[in-house]
Amino acid sequence: MSKQNSETIASMTPPEKKTGLIVHIALFRWREEASQEAIDSTLAELRKLKDKIPGIVDISSGPNFSERAKGYTHVLVIRFKDRSALQAFGPHPEHQRVVQKLMNPIRADVLSLDYEF
């Protein structure tokens, strides 16, 4: 999208009232040798982080069904109560355990985005 188109759309869109919630979106591509069981287990462990890391409001994940995903096959969406909760999430030992032991061995790529809701 060109800068001009982006500015036009932005000027047409009414300002939203922000809730202060932060949305973290992660798109995953897995290695070819990754089994469905390993993928499912990794995503299940990520969803369990809601009960282990303070500041997480909600976690959802699932497989992509769109043909526009450019090879990304799964998504994880986490809502945090604020930016400080998001900042604490990355280095949290429980998150790092899942990343190091389950995700890294099967992950080919990840694309992450964060925005205030």
PDB file of N, CA and C in Angstrom:
ATOM      1  N   MET A   1       0.845  -1.161   0.000  1.00  0.00           N
ATOM      2  CA  MET A   1       0.000   0.000   0.000  1.00  0.00           C
ATOM      3  C   MET A   1       0.895   1.230   0.000  1.00  0.00           C
ATOM      4  N   SER A   2       0.581   2.176  -0.831  1.00  0.00           N
ATOM      5  CA  SER A   2       1.394   3.385  -0.897  1.00  0.00           C
ATOM      6  C   SER A   2       1.161   4.252   0.329  1.00  0.00           C
ATOM      7  N   LYS A   3       2.100   5.143   0.571  1.00  0.00           N
ATOM      8  CA  LYS A   3       1.970   6.057   1.711  1.00  0.00           C
ATOM      9  C   LYS A   3       0.715   6.905   1.556  1.00  0.00           C
ATOM     10  N   GLN A   4       0.427   7.343   0.333  1.00  0.00           N
ATOM     11  CA  GLN A   4      -0.749   8.165   0.089  1.00  0.00           C
ATOM     12  C   GLN A   4      -2.022   7.384   0.406  1.00  0.00           C
ATOM     13  N   ASN A   5      -2.110   6.121  -0.048  1.00  0.00           N
ATOM     14  CA  ASN A   5      -3.279   5.295   0.253  1.00  0.00           C
ATOM     15  C   ASN A   5      -3.426   5.075   1.740  1.00  0.00           C
ATOM     16  N   SER A   6      -2.325   4.832   2.410  1.00  0.00           N
ATOM     17  CA  SER A   6      -2.342   4.620   3.848  1.00  0.00           C
ATOM     18  C   SER A   6      -2.854   5.861   4.577  1.00  0.00           C
ATOM     19  N   GLU A   7      -2.372   7.032   4.158  1.00  0.00           N
ATOM     20  CA  GLU A   7      -2.813   8.281   4.784  1.00  0.00           C
ATOM     21  C   GLU A   7      -4.288   8.535   4.507  1.00  0.00           C
ATOM     22  N   THR A   8      -4.769   8.205   3.310  1.00  0.00           N
ATOM     23  CA  THR A   8      -6.178   8.385   2.978  1.00  0.00           C
ATOM     24  C   THR A   8      -7.049   7.502   3.852  1.00  0.00           C
ATOM     25  N   ILE A   9      -6.674   6.248   3.985  1.00  0.00           N
ATOM     26  CA  ILE A   9      -7.429   5.325   4.828  1.00  0.00           C
ATOM     27  C   ILE A   9      -7.422   5.809   6.268  1.00  0.00           C
ATOM     28  N   ALA A  10      -6.262   6.237   6.760  1.00  0.00           N
ATOM     29  CA  ALA A  10      -6.154   6.715   8.144  1.00  0.00           C
ATOM     30  C   ALA A  10      -7.046   7.920   8.374  1.00  0.00           C
ATOM     31  N   SER A  11      -7.132   8.819   7.405  1.00  0.00           N
ATOM     32  CA  SER A  11      -7.954  10.014   7.584  1.00  0.00           C
ATOM     33  C   SER A  11      -9.443   9.684   7.536  1.00  0.00           C
ATOM     34  N   MET A  12      -9.815   8.579   6.899  1.00  0.00           N
ATOM     35  CA  MET A  12     -11.215   8.181   6.803  1.00  0.00           C
ATOM     36  C   MET A  12     -11.662   7.365   8.007  1.00  0.00           C
ATOM     37  N   THR A  13     -10.726   6.818   8.732  1.00  0.00           N
ATOM     38  CA  THR A  13     -11.037   5.949   9.855  1.00  0.00           C
ATOM     39  C   THR A  13     -11.213   6.787  11.119  1.00  0.00           C
ATOM     40  N   PRO A  14     -12.377   6.667  11.789  1.00  0.00           N
ATOM     41  CA  PRO A  14     -12.548   7.441  13.015  1.00  0.00           C
ATOM     42  C   PRO A  14     -11.581   6.961  14.093  1.00  0.00           C
ATOM     43  N   PRO A  15     -11.115   7.869  14.945  1.00  0.00           N
ATOM     44  CA  PRO A  15     -10.193   7.457  16.001  1.00  0.00           C
ATOM     45  C   PRO A  15     -10.877   6.472  16.950  1.00  0.00           C
ATOM     46  N   GLU A  16     -10.112   5.457  17.340  1.00  0.00           N
ATOM     47  CA  GLU A  16     -10.643   4.459  18.254  1.00  0.00           C
ATOM     48  C   GLU A  16     -10.293   4.847  19.683  1.00  0.00           C
ATOM     49  N   LYS A  17     -11.167   4.489  20.585  1.00  0.00           N
ATOM     50  CA  LYS A  17     -10.855   4.669  21.990  1.00  0.00           C
ATOM     51  C   LYS A  17     -10.035   3.455  22.419  1.00  0.00           C
ATOM     52  N   LYS A  18      -8.837   3.699  22.883  1.00  0.00           N
ATOM     53  CA  LYS A  18      -7.925   2.613  23.259  1.00  0.00           C
ATOM     54  C   LYS A  18      -8.304   2.056  24.634  1.00  0.00           C
ATOM     55  N   THR A  19      -8.163   0.742  24.774  1.00  0.00           N
ATOM     56  CA  THR A  19      -8.444   0.092  26.055  1.00  0.00           C
ATOM     57  C   THR A  19      -7.194  -0.005  26.920  1.00  0.00           C
ATOM     58  N   GLY A  20      -6.027   0.177  26.297  1.00  0.00           N
ATOM     59  CA  GLY A  20      -4.770  -0.016  27.014  1.00  0.00           C
ATOM     60  C   GLY A  20      -4.269  -1.448  26.917  1.00  0.00           C
ATOM     61  N   LEU A  21      -5.129  -2.351  26.426  1.00  0.00           N
ATOM     62  CA  LEU A  21      -4.696  -3.733  26.239  1.00  0.00           C
ATOM     63  C   LEU A  21      -3.701  -3.804  25.093  1.00  0.00           C
ATOM     64  N   ILE A  22      -2.774  -4.734  25.201  1.00  0.00           N
ATOM     65  CA  ILE A  22      -1.775  -4.967  24.170  1.00  0.00           C
ATOM     66  C   ILE A  22      -2.058  -6.321  23.534  1.00  0.00           C
ATOM     67  N   VAL A  23      -2.029  -6.343  22.216  1.00  0.00           N
ATOM     68  CA  VAL A  23      -2.236  -7.583  21.478  1.00  0.00           C
ATOM     69  C   VAL A  23      -0.916  -7.977  20.832  1.00  0.00           C
ATOM     70  N   HIS A  24      -0.509  -9.215  21.100  1.00  0.00           N
ATOM     71  CA  HIS A  24       0.719  -9.790  20.545  1.00  0.00           C
ATOM     72  C   HIS A  24       0.289 -10.890  19.589  1.00  0.00           C
ATOM     73  N   ILE A  25       0.721 -10.797  18.338  1.00  0.00           N
ATOM     74  CA  ILE A  25       0.379 -11.797  17.327  1.00  0.00           C
ATOM     75  C   ILE A  25       1.674 -12.422  16.825  1.00  0.00           C
ATOM     76  N   ALA A  26       1.737 -13.737  16.850  1.00  0.00           N
ATOM     77  CA  ALA A  26       2.904 -14.458  16.341  1.00  0.00           C
ATOM     78  C   ALA A  26       2.432 -15.444  15.278  1.00  0.00           C
ATOM     79  N   LEU A  27       3.043 -15.363  14.106  1.00  0.00           N
ATOM     80  CA  LEU A  27       2.771 -16.294  13.015  1.00  0.00           C
ATOM     81  C   LEU A  27       3.949 -17.252  12.908  1.00  0.00           C
ATOM     82  N   PHE A  28       3.663 -18.531  12.728  1.00  0.00           N
ATOM     83  CA  PHE A  28       4.716 -19.543  12.727  1.00  0.00           C
ATOM     84  C   PHE A  28       4.772 -20.312  11.421  1.00  0.00           C
ATOM     85  N   ARG A  29       6.012 -20.594  11.011  1.00  0.00           N
ATOM     86  CA  ARG A  29       6.318 -21.582   9.973  1.00  0.00           C
ATOM     87  C   ARG A  29       7.130 -22.655  10.675  1.00  0.00           C
ATOM     88  N   TRP A  30       6.811 -23.895  10.401  1.00  0.00           N
ATOM     89  CA  TRP A  30       7.507 -25.000  11.055  1.00  0.00           C
ATOM     90  C   TRP A  30       8.458 -25.670  10.077  1.00  0.00           C
ATOM     91  N   ARG A  31       9.465 -26.309  10.609  1.00  0.00           N
ATOM     92  CA  ARG A  31      10.383 -27.089   9.775  1.00  0.00           C
ATOM     93  C   ARG A  31       9.629 -28.250   9.155  1.00  0.00           C
ATOM     94  N   GLU A  32      10.087 -28.676   7.996  1.00  0.00           N
ATOM     95  CA  GLU A  32       9.408 -29.768   7.292  1.00  0.00           C
ATOM     96  C   GLU A  32       9.321 -31.036   8.130  1.00  0.00           C
ATOM     97  N   GLU A  33      10.349 -31.278   8.945  1.00  0.00           N
ATOM     98  CA  GLU A  33      10.357 -32.507   9.741  1.00  0.00           C
ATOM     99  C   GLU A  33       9.527 -32.409  11.024  1.00  0.00           C
ATOM    100  N   ALA A  34       8.935 -31.246  11.290  1.00  0.00           N
ATOM    101  CA  ALA A  34       8.121 -31.077  12.505  1.00  0.00           C
ATOM    102  C   ALA A  34       6.849 -31.911  12.399  1.00  0.00           C
ATOM    103  N   SER A  35       6.618 -32.733  13.401  1.00  0.00           N
ATOM    104  CA  SER A  35       5.410 -33.557  13.401  1.00  0.00           C
ATOM    105  C   SER A  35       4.222 -32.727  13.881  1.00  0.00           C
ATOM    106  N   GLN A  36       3.021 -33.153  13.490  1.00  0.00           N
ATOM    107  CA  GLN A  36       1.813 -32.469  13.949  1.00  0.00           C
ATOM    108  C   GLN A  36       1.707 -32.553  15.462  1.00  0.00           C
ATOM    109  N   GLU A  37       2.138 -33.659  16.031  1.00  0.00           N
ATOM    110  CA  GLU A  37       2.121 -33.834  17.487  1.00  0.00           C
ATOM    111  C   GLU A  37       3.019 -32.802  18.179  1.00  0.00           C
ATOM    112  N   ALA A  38       4.202 -32.566  17.627  1.00  0.00           N
ATOM    113  CA  ALA A  38       5.122 -31.579  18.209  1.00  0.00           C
ATOM    114  C   ALA A  38       4.552 -30.166  18.097  1.00  0.00           C
ATOM    115  N   ILE A  39       3.936 -29.851  16.967  1.00  0.00           N
ATOM    116  CA  ILE A  39       3.317 -28.538  16.779  1.00  0.00           C
ATOM    117  C   ILE A  39       2.176 -28.347  17.765  1.00  0.00           C
ATOM    118  N   ASP A  40       1.298 -29.340  17.859  1.00  0.00           N
ATOM    119  CA  ASP A  40       0.151 -29.256  18.774  1.00  0.00           C
ATOM    120  C   ASP A  40       0.610 -29.117  20.226  1.00  0.00           C
ATOM    121  N   SER A  41       1.634 -29.860  20.594  1.00  0.00           N
ATOM    122  CA  SER A  41       2.169 -29.801  21.951  1.00  0.00           C
ATOM    123  C   SER A  41       2.754 -28.424  22.265  1.00  0.00           C
ATOM    124  N   THR A  42       3.474 -27.869  21.312  1.00  0.00           N
ATOM    125  CA  THR A  42       4.067 -26.544  21.495  1.00  0.00           C
ATOM    126  C   THR A  42       2.984 -25.493  21.687  1.00  0.00           C
ATOM    127  N   LEU A  43       1.967 -25.509  20.835  1.00  0.00           N
ATOM    128  CA  LEU A  43       0.891 -24.532  20.945  1.00  0.00           C
ATOM    129  C   LEU A  43       0.097 -24.719  22.241  1.00  0.00           C
ATOM    130  N   ALA A  44      -0.098 -25.967  22.662  1.00  0.00           N
ATOM    131  CA  ALA A  44      -0.800 -26.224  23.924  1.00  0.00           C
ATOM    132  C   ALA A  44      -0.011 -25.662  25.107  1.00  0.00           C
ATOM    133  N   GLU A  45       1.294 -25.843  25.096  1.00  0.00           N
ATOM    134  CA  GLU A  45       2.130 -25.302  26.173  1.00  0.00           C
ATOM    135  C   GLU A  45       2.127 -23.779  26.172  1.00  0.00           C
ATOM    136  N   LEU A  46       2.112 -23.182  24.983  1.00  0.00           N
ATOM    137  CA  LEU A  46       2.020 -21.720  24.910  1.00  0.00           C
ATOM    138  C   LEU A  46       0.696 -21.232  25.496  1.00  0.00           C
ATOM    139  N   ARG A  47      -0.405 -21.921  25.202  1.00  0.00           N
ATOM    140  CA  ARG A  47      -1.701 -21.519  25.759  1.00  0.00           C
ATOM    141  C   ARG A  47      -1.729 -21.641  27.281  1.00  0.00           C
ATOM    142  N   LYS A  48      -1.013 -22.595  27.827  1.00  0.00           N
ATOM    143  CA  LYS A  48      -0.968 -22.775  29.288  1.00  0.00           C
ATOM    144  C   LYS A  48      -0.254 -21.635  30.003  1.00  0.00           C
ATOM    145  N   LEU A  49       0.488 -20.818  29.256  1.00  0.00           N
ATOM    146  CA  LEU A  49       1.217 -19.711  29.883  1.00  0.00           C
ATOM    147  C   LEU A  49       0.270 -18.690  30.505  1.00  0.00           C
ATOM    148  N   LYS A  50      -0.990 -18.677  30.095  1.00  0.00           N
ATOM    149  CA  LYS A  50      -1.967 -17.746  30.669  1.00  0.00           C
ATOM    150  C   LYS A  50      -2.045 -17.898  32.183  1.00  0.00           C
ATOM    151  N   ASP A  51      -1.936 -19.115  32.659  1.00  0.00           N
ATOM    152  CA  ASP A  51      -2.035 -19.381  34.100  1.00  0.00           C
ATOM    153  C   ASP A  51      -0.689 -19.311  34.813  1.00  0.00           C
ATOM    154  N   LYS A  52       0.371 -19.053  34.071  1.00  0.00           N
ATOM    155  CA  LYS A  52       1.709 -19.071  34.664  1.00  0.00           C
ATOM    156  C   LYS A  52       2.420 -17.724  34.638  1.00  0.00           C
ATOM    157  N   ILE A  53       1.968 -16.812  33.780  1.00  0.00           N
ATOM    158  CA  ILE A  53       2.649 -15.529  33.637  1.00  0.00           C
ATOM    159  C   ILE A  53       1.657 -14.406  33.921  1.00  0.00           C
ATOM    160  N   PRO A  54       1.957 -13.553  34.886  1.00  0.00           N
ATOM    161  CA  PRO A  54       1.046 -12.456  35.220  1.00  0.00           C
ATOM    162  C   PRO A  54       0.879 -11.476  34.060  1.00  0.00           C
ATOM    163  N   GLY A  55      -0.307 -10.890  33.973  1.00  0.00           N
ATOM    164  CA  GLY A  55      -0.579  -9.856  32.984  1.00  0.00           C
ATOM    165  C   GLY A  55      -1.169 -10.351  31.691  1.00  0.00           C
ATOM    166  N   ILE A  56      -1.290 -11.683  31.529  1.00  0.00           N
ATOM    167  CA  ILE A  56      -1.920 -12.227  30.317  1.00  0.00           C
ATOM    168  C   ILE A  56      -3.427 -12.260  30.543  1.00  0.00           C
ATOM    169  N   VAL A  57      -4.158 -11.633  29.633  1.00  0.00           N
ATOM    170  CA  VAL A  57      -5.608 -11.595  29.720  1.00  0.00           C
ATOM    171  C   VAL A  57      -6.217 -12.798  29.002  1.00  0.00           C
ATOM    172  N   ASP A  58      -5.662 -13.124  27.843  1.00  0.00           N
ATOM    173  CA  ASP A  58      -6.229 -14.197  27.036  1.00  0.00           C
ATOM    174  C   ASP A  58      -5.177 -14.701  26.048  1.00  0.00           C
ATOM    175  N   ILE A  59      -5.244 -15.985  25.735  1.00  0.00           N
ATOM    176  CA  ILE A  59      -4.377 -16.583  24.712  1.00  0.00           C
ATOM    177  C   ILE A  59      -5.241 -17.460  23.820  1.00  0.00           C
ATOM    178  N   SER A  60      -5.033 -17.337  22.517  1.00  0.00           N
ATOM    179  CA  SER A  60      -5.667 -18.263  21.581  1.00  0.00           C
ATOM    180  C   SER A  60      -4.650 -18.618  20.495  1.00  0.00           C
ATOM    181  N   SER A  61      -4.876 -19.754  19.875  1.00  0.00           N
ATOM    182  CA  SER A  61      -3.991 -20.184  18.792  1.00  0.00           C
ATOM    183  C   SER A  61      -4.747 -21.128  17.887  1.00  0.00           C
ATOM    184  N   GLY A  62      -4.215 -21.309  16.685  1.00  0.00           N
ATOM    185  CA  GLY A  62      -4.839 -22.251  15.780  1.00  0.00           C
ATOM    186  C   GLY A  62      -4.152 -22.263  14.433  1.00  0.00           C
ATOM    187  N   PRO A  63      -4.566 -23.214  13.598  1.00  0.00           N
ATOM    188  CA  PRO A  63      -3.995 -23.324  12.259  1.00  0.00           C
ATOM    189  C   PRO A  63      -4.615 -22.301  11.312  1.00  0.00           C
ATOM    190  N   ASN A  64      -3.842 -21.872  10.357  1.00  0.00           N
ATOM    191  CA  ASN A  64      -4.315 -20.965   9.323  1.00  0.00           C
ATOM    192  C   ASN A  64      -5.159 -21.736   8.317  1.00  0.00           C
ATOM    193  N   PHE A  65      -6.178 -21.078   7.769  1.00  0.00           N
ATOM    194  CA  PHE A  65      -6.947 -21.686   6.690  1.00  0.00           C
ATOM    195  C   PHE A  65      -6.930 -20.828   5.420  1.00  0.00           C
ATOM    196  N   SER A  66      -6.225 -19.718   5.462  1.00  0.00           N
ATOM    197  CA  SER A  66      -6.168 -18.802   4.326  1.00  0.00           C
ATOM    198  C   SER A  66      -5.042 -19.189   3.362  1.00  0.00           C
ATOM    199  N   GLU A  67      -5.251 -18.908   2.089  1.00  0.00           N
ATOM    200  CA  GLU A  67      -4.205 -19.129   1.096  1.00  0.00           C
ATOM    201  C   GLU A  67      -3.265 -17.935   0.998  1.00  0.00           C
ATOM    202  N   ARG A  68      -3.490 -16.892   1.805  1.00  0.00           N
ATOM    203  CA  ARG A  68      -2.700 -15.661   1.729  1.00  0.00           C
ATOM    204  C   ARG A  68      -1.610 -15.598   2.792  1.00  0.00           C
ATOM    205  N   ALA A  69      -1.330 -16.673   3.485  1.00  0.00           N
ATOM    206  CA  ALA A  69      -0.455 -16.652   4.659  1.00  0.00           C
ATOM    207  C   ALA A  69       1.039 -16.761   4.355  1.00  0.00           C
ATOM    208  N   LYS A  70       1.405 -16.877   3.100  1.00  0.00           N
ATOM    209  CA  LYS A  70       2.810 -16.922   2.687  1.00  0.00           C
ATOM    210  C   LYS A  70       3.626 -17.980   3.440  1.00  0.00           C
ATOM    211  N   GLY A  71       3.014 -19.121   3.667  1.00  0.00           N
ATOM    212  CA  GLY A  71       3.723 -20.229   4.293  1.00  0.00           C
ATOM    213  C   GLY A  71       3.603 -20.308   5.807  1.00  0.00           C
ATOM    214  N   TYR A  72       3.064 -19.285   6.435  1.00  0.00           N
ATOM    215  CA  TYR A  72       2.852 -19.348   7.885  1.00  0.00           C
ATOM    216  C   TYR A  72       1.619 -20.209   8.126  1.00  0.00           C
ATOM    217  N   THR A  73       1.768 -21.210   8.972  1.00  0.00           N
ATOM    218  CA  THR A  73       0.703 -22.201   9.117  1.00  0.00           C
ATOM    219  C   THR A  73      -0.101 -22.094  10.403  1.00  0.00           C
ATOM    220  N   HIS A  74       0.448 -21.407  11.415  1.00  0.00           N
ATOM    221  CA  HIS A  74      -0.249 -21.301  12.706  1.00  0.00           C
ATOM    222  C   HIS A  74      -0.097 -19.895  13.273  1.00  0.00           C
ATOM    223  N   VAL A  75      -1.058 -19.513  14.099  1.00  0.00           N
ATOM    224  CA  VAL A  75      -1.034 -18.197  14.729  1.00  0.00           C
ATOM    225  C   VAL A  75      -1.241 -18.344  16.234  1.00  0.00           C
ATOM    226  N   LEU A  76      -0.615 -17.444  16.962  1.00  0.00           N
ATOM    227  CA  LEU A  76      -0.805 -17.323  18.405  1.00  0.00           C
ATOM    228  C   LEU A  76      -1.157 -15.867  18.674  1.00  0.00           C
ATOM    229  N   VAL A  77      -2.233 -15.643  19.419  1.00  0.00           N
ATOM    230  CA  VAL A  77      -2.651 -14.293  19.774  1.00  0.00           C
ATOM    231  C   VAL A  77      -2.737 -14.216  21.292  1.00  0.00           C
ATOM    232  N   ILE A  78      -2.010 -13.258  21.862  1.00  0.00           N
ATOM    233  CA  ILE A  78      -2.027 -13.064  23.310  1.00  0.00           C
ATOM    234  C   ILE A  78      -2.434 -11.626  23.583  1.00  0.00           C
ATOM    235  N   ARG A  79      -3.393 -11.452  24.487  1.00  0.00           N
ATOM    236  CA  ARG A  79      -3.749 -10.114  24.940  1.00  0.00           C
ATOM    237  C   ARG A  79      -3.159  -9.916  26.334  1.00  0.00           C
ATOM    238  N   PHE A  80      -2.453  -8.788  26.490  1.00  0.00           N
ATOM    239  CA  PHE A  80      -1.825  -8.434  27.761  1.00  0.00           C
ATOM    240  C   PHE A  80      -2.532  -7.230  28.363  1.00  0.00           C
ATOM    241  N   LYS A  81      -2.472  -7.132  29.683  1.00  0.00           N
ATOM    242  CA  LYS A  81      -3.146  -6.011  30.349  1.00  0.00           C
ATOM    243  C   LYS A  81      -2.482  -4.668  30.049  1.00  0.00           C
ATOM    244  N   ASP A  82      -1.177  -4.679  29.728  1.00  0.00           N
ATOM    245  CA  ASP A  82      -0.470  -3.441  29.397  1.00  0.00           C
ATOM    246  C   ASP A  82       0.890  -3.776  28.785  1.00  0.00           C
ATOM    247  N   ARG A  83       1.611  -2.738  28.400  1.00  0.00           N
ATOM    248  CA  ARG A  83       2.914  -2.941  27.753  1.00  0.00           C
ATOM    249  C   ARG A  83       3.932  -3.581  28.693  1.00  0.00           C
ATOM    250  N   SER A  84       3.866  -3.255  29.959  1.00  0.00           N
ATOM    251  CA  SER A  84       4.837  -3.844  30.891  1.00  0.00           C
ATOM    252  C   SER A  84       4.638  -5.355  30.997  1.00  0.00           C
ATOM    253  N   ALA A  85       3.398  -5.819  30.894  1.00  0.00           N
ATOM    254  CA  ALA A  85       3.139  -7.268  30.916  1.00  0.00           C
ATOM    255  C   ALA A  85       3.736  -7.934  29.674  1.00  0.00           C
ATOM    256  N   LEU A  86       3.625  -7.277  28.517  1.00  0.00           N
ATOM    257  CA  LEU A  86       4.242  -7.803  27.301  1.00  0.00           C
ATOM    258  C   LEU A  86       5.759  -7.854  27.455  1.00  0.00           C
ATOM    259  N   GLN A  87       6.343  -6.793  27.988  1.00  0.00           N
ATOM    260  CA  GLN A  87       7.794  -6.747  28.158  1.00  0.00           C
ATOM    261  C   GLN A  87       8.278  -7.827  29.126  1.00  0.00           C
ATOM    262  N   ALA A  88       7.490  -8.149  30.129  1.00  0.00           N
ATOM    263  CA  ALA A  88       7.866  -9.186  31.093  1.00  0.00           C
ATOM    264  C   ALA A  88       7.701 -10.592  30.516  1.00  0.00           C
ATOM    265  N   PHE A  89       6.847 -10.739  29.525  1.00  0.00           N
ATOM    266  CA  PHE A  89       6.545 -12.038  28.927  1.00  0.00           C
ATOM    267  C   PHE A  89       7.758 -12.661  28.238  1.00  0.00           C
ATOM    268  N   GLY A  90       8.437 -11.896  27.390  1.00  0.00           N
ATOM    269  CA  GLY A  90       9.548 -12.430  26.597  1.00  0.00           C
ATOM    270  C   GLY A  90      10.597 -13.162  27.415  1.00  0.00           C
ATOM    271  N   PRO A  91      11.155 -12.522  28.429  1.00  0.00           N
ATOM    272  CA  PRO A  91      12.209 -13.176  29.207  1.00  0.00           C
ATOM    273  C   PRO A  91      11.705 -14.076  30.340  1.00  0.00           C
ATOM    274  N   HIS A  92      10.399 -14.149  30.538  1.00  0.00           N
ATOM    275  CA  HIS A  92       9.865 -14.949  31.654  1.00  0.00           C
ATOM    276  C   HIS A  92      10.343 -16.401  31.518  1.00  0.00           C
ATOM    277  N   PRO A  93      10.785 -17.012  32.611  1.00  0.00           N
ATOM    278  CA  PRO A  93      11.315 -18.386  32.556  1.00  0.00           C
ATOM    279  C   PRO A  93      10.355 -19.415  31.951  1.00  0.00           C
ATOM    280  N   GLU A  94       9.070 -19.293  32.209  1.00  0.00           N
ATOM    281  CA  GLU A  94       8.111 -20.256  31.639  1.00  0.00           C
ATOM    282  C   GLU A  94       8.014 -20.092  30.121  1.00  0.00           C
ATOM    283  N   HIS A  95       8.014 -18.861  29.642  1.00  0.00           N
ATOM    284  CA  HIS A  95       7.998 -18.618  28.200  1.00  0.00           C
ATOM    285  C   HIS A  95       9.283 -19.135  27.573  1.00  0.00           C
ATOM    286  N   GLN A  96      10.404 -18.832  28.189  1.00  0.00           N
ATOM    287  CA  GLN A  96      11.690 -19.282  27.659  1.00  0.00           C
ATOM    288  C   GLN A  96      11.805 -20.801  27.644  1.00  0.00           C
ATOM    289  N   ARG A  97      11.209 -21.471  28.628  1.00  0.00           N
ATOM    290  CA  ARG A  97      11.203 -22.936  28.654  1.00  0.00           C
ATOM    291  C   ARG A  97      10.505 -23.481  27.411  1.00  0.00           C
ATOM    292  N   VAL A  98       9.338 -22.942  27.084  1.00  0.00           N
ATOM    293  CA  VAL A  98       8.594 -23.404  25.911  1.00  0.00           C
ATOM    294  C   VAL A  98       9.358 -23.085  24.629  1.00  0.00           C
ATOM    295  N   VAL A  99       9.901 -21.882  24.549  1.00  0.00           N
ATOM    296  CA  VAL A  99      10.649 -21.484  23.352  1.00  0.00           C
ATOM    297  C   VAL A  99      11.866 -22.372  23.147  1.00  0.00           C
ATOM    298  N   GLN A 100      12.672 -22.536  24.185  1.00  0.00           N
ATOM    299  CA  GLN A 100      13.928 -23.274  24.048  1.00  0.00           C
ATOM    300  C   GLN A 100      13.721 -24.778  23.865  1.00  0.00           C
ATOM    301  N   LYS A 101      12.803 -25.363  24.631  1.00  0.00           N
ATOM    302  CA  LYS A 101      12.666 -26.830  24.611  1.00  0.00           C
ATOM    303  C   LYS A 101      11.698 -27.350  23.561  1.00  0.00           C
ATOM    304  N   LEU A 102      10.656 -26.584  23.263  1.00  0.00           N
ATOM    305  CA  LEU A 102       9.636 -27.091  22.342  1.00  0.00           C
ATOM    306  C   LEU A 102       9.618 -26.373  20.998  1.00  0.00           C
ATOM    307  N   MET A 103       9.681 -25.052  21.032  1.00  0.00           N
ATOM    308  CA  MET A 103       9.515 -24.291  19.798  1.00  0.00           C
ATOM    309  C   MET A 103      10.761 -24.269  18.926  1.00  0.00           C
ATOM    310  N   ASN A 104      11.888 -23.898  19.472  1.00  0.00           N
ATOM    311  CA  ASN A 104      13.099 -23.747  18.661  1.00  0.00           C
ATOM    312  C   ASN A 104      13.474 -24.999  17.861  1.00  0.00           C
ATOM    313  N   PRO A 105      13.320 -26.201  18.417  1.00  0.00           N
ATOM    314  CA  PRO A 105      13.688 -27.383  17.628  1.00  0.00           C
ATOM    315  C   PRO A 105      12.832 -27.601  16.372  1.00  0.00           C
ATOM    316  N   ILE A 106      11.616 -27.029  16.325  1.00  0.00           N
ATOM    317  CA  ILE A 106      10.737 -27.288  15.176  1.00  0.00           C
ATOM    318  C   ILE A 106      10.375 -26.032  14.388  1.00  0.00           C
ATOM    319  N   ARG A 107      10.743 -24.872  14.873  1.00  0.00           N
ATOM    320  CA  ARG A 107      10.350 -23.611  14.225  1.00  0.00           C
ATOM    321  C   ARG A 107      11.300 -23.261  13.079  1.00  0.00           C
ATOM    322  N   ALA A 108      10.721 -22.950  11.918  1.00  0.00           N
ATOM    323  CA  ALA A 108      11.511 -22.467  10.789  1.00  0.00           C
ATOM    324  C   ALA A 108      11.573 -20.942  10.807  1.00  0.00           C
ATOM    325  N   ASP A 109      10.448 -20.298  11.188  1.00  0.00           N
ATOM    326  CA  ASP A 109      10.398 -18.836  11.194  1.00  0.00           C
ATOM    327  C   ASP A 109       9.229 -18.387  12.058  1.00  0.00           C
ATOM    328  N   VAL A 110       9.334 -17.164  12.553  1.00  0.00           N
ATOM    329  CA  VAL A 110       8.233 -16.538  13.288  1.00  0.00           C
ATOM    330  C   VAL A 110       8.174 -15.070  12.895  1.00  0.00           C
ATOM    331  N   LEU A 111       6.976 -14.562  12.788  1.00  0.00           N
ATOM    332  CA  LEU A 111       6.739 -13.145  12.521  1.00  0.00           C
ATOM    333  C   LEU A 111       5.833 -12.644  13.630  1.00  0.00           C
ATOM    334  N   SER A 112       6.296 -11.649  14.370  1.00  0.00           N
ATOM    335  CA  SER A 112       5.519 -11.134  15.508  1.00  0.00           C
ATOM    336  C   SER A 112       5.167  -9.670  15.318  1.00  0.00           C
ATOM    337  N   LEU A 113       3.967  -9.318  15.763  1.00  0.00           N
ATOM    338  CA  LEU A 113       3.464  -7.951  15.730  1.00  0.00           C
ATOM    339  C   LEU A 113       2.802  -7.653  17.068  1.00  0.00           C
ATOM    340  N   ASP A 114       2.916  -6.410  17.513  1.00  0.00           N
ATOM    341  CA  ASP A 114       2.280  -5.979  18.753  1.00  0.00           C
ATOM    342  C   ASP A 114       1.579  -4.657  18.503  1.00  0.00           C
ATOM    343  N   TYR A 115       0.396  -4.505  19.076  1.00  0.00           N
ATOM    344  CA  TYR A 115      -0.297  -3.223  18.962  1.00  0.00           C
ATOM    345  C   TYR A 115      -1.176  -2.997  20.190  1.00  0.00           C
ATOM    346  N   GLU A 116      -1.499  -1.722  20.412  1.00  0.00           N
ATOM    347  CA  GLU A 116      -2.374  -1.377  21.525  1.00  0.00           C
ATOM    348  C   GLU A 116      -3.802  -1.401  21.033  1.00  0.00           C
ATOM    349  N   PHE A 117      -4.651  -2.015  21.827  1.00  0.00           N
ATOM    350  CA  PHE A 117      -6.043  -2.210  21.461  1.00  0.00           C
ATOM    351  C   PHE A 117      -6.921  -1.211  22.197  1.00  0.00           C
TER     352      PHE A 117
END
